[in-house]
Protein backbone atom coordinates (compact mmCIF):
# COMPACT_ATOMS: atom_id res chain seq x y z
CA MET A 1 -19.79 -0.21 -22.80
CA ALA A 2 -16.98 -0.74 -20.30
CA LYS A 3 -17.24 0.89 -16.91
CA ALA A 4 -14.63 3.60 -16.40
CA ILE A 5 -12.15 2.97 -13.61
CA THR A 6 -11.93 5.89 -11.24
CA PRO A 7 -8.39 6.54 -10.04
CA LYS A 8 -7.88 6.18 -6.29
CA LYS A 9 -7.90 9.40 -4.33
CA SER A 10 -4.40 10.15 -3.10
CA GLU A 11 -2.50 12.83 -1.24
CA VAL A 12 1.01 13.41 0.06
CA ILE A 13 1.40 13.95 3.82
CA ASN A 14 4.84 14.37 5.42
CA GLY A 15 6.49 12.94 2.30
CA GLU A 16 4.29 9.82 2.20
CA THR A 17 1.84 9.17 -0.61
CA ILE A 18 -1.46 7.96 0.82
CA LYS A 19 -3.98 6.30 -1.50
CA TYR A 20 -7.56 5.63 -0.44
CA HIS A 21 -10.07 2.87 -1.15
CA ALA A 22 -12.90 3.71 -3.58
CA ASN A 23 -14.94 5.10 -0.67
CA GLY A 24 -12.37 7.92 -0.44
CA LYS A 25 -12.12 7.56 3.34
CA THR A 26 -10.15 4.47 4.37
CA ILE A 27 -6.46 4.19 3.50
CA TRP A 28 -5.59 1.62 0.82
CA SER A 29 -1.80 2.13 0.81
CA LYS A 30 0.90 4.45 2.03
CA GLY A 31 4.60 4.95 1.41
CA LYS A 32 7.13 7.18 -0.31
CA ILE A 33 7.34 7.71 -4.06
CA ILE A 34 10.67 8.92 -5.43
CA ASP A 35 11.04 9.76 -9.13
CA GLY A 36 7.63 8.22 -9.80
CA LYS A 37 8.48 4.85 -8.20
CA PRO A 38 7.68 3.41 -4.76
CA ASP A 39 10.74 3.52 -2.51
CA GLY A 40 11.27 2.41 1.09
CA TYR A 41 8.65 0.91 3.40
CA TRP A 42 5.04 0.54 2.17
CA GLU A 43 1.82 -0.73 3.77
CA TRP A 44 -1.54 -1.80 2.28
CA TYR A 45 -4.82 -1.96 4.19
CA ARG A 46 -8.20 -3.63 3.89
CA ILE A 47 -11.38 -1.59 3.60
CA ASP A 48 -11.98 -2.06 7.36
CA GLY A 49 -8.61 -0.46 8.13
CA THR A 50 -6.65 -3.58 9.15
CA ILE A 51 -3.20 -3.98 7.65
CA LYS A 52 -3.04 -6.45 4.75
CA ARG A 53 0.57 -6.39 3.54
CA SER A 54 3.84 -4.57 4.11
CA GLY A 55 7.27 -4.51 2.52
CA GLN A 56 10.16 -2.55 1.11
CA PHE A 57 10.79 -1.15 -2.34
CA GLU A 58 14.09 -0.07 -3.81
CA ARG A 59 13.57 2.28 -6.77
CA GLY A 60 10.28 0.55 -7.69
CA ALA A 61 11.39 -3.06 -7.15
CA PRO A 62 10.17 -5.11 -4.16
CA VAL A 63 13.11 -6.20 -1.95
CA GLY A 64 13.68 -8.03 1.32
CA GLU A 65 10.99 -9.45 3.57
CA TRP A 66 7.32 -8.91 2.74
CA THR A 67 4.68 -9.68 5.35
CA THR A 68 1.07 -10.67 4.68
CA TYR A 69 -1.40 -10.23 7.55
CA ASP A 70 -4.62 -12.08 8.41
CA GLU A 71 -8.04 -10.41 8.75
CA LYS A 72 -7.19 -9.35 12.32
CA GLY A 73 -3.89 -7.73 11.33
CA LYS A 74 -1.65 -10.52 12.67
CA PRO A 75 1.30 -11.62 10.49
CA TYR A 76 0.73 -15.04 8.93
CA LYS A 77 3.15 -15.22 5.98
CA VAL A 78 6.59 -13.75 5.26
CA THR A 79 8.20 -13.99 1.84
CA ASN A 80 11.60 -12.82 0.59
CA ARG A 81 11.97 -10.90 -2.64
């Protein structure tokens, strides 16, 4: 029997959708959702709270520069979409 996947807890604060890690306490991602699609600047975080990745969406599609961060939250890779 397959284990059911529990959806991430989320809430909207000041227009930003914030999703939480499985523990329900630390932020997993945050950014705006417009018409059901990510739009504008988004950030993702590790379970310890350090930033993992950031970038821009335009109507659900990743655009521009995306930054990946090391375990200490320092940028180490930038890619263009």
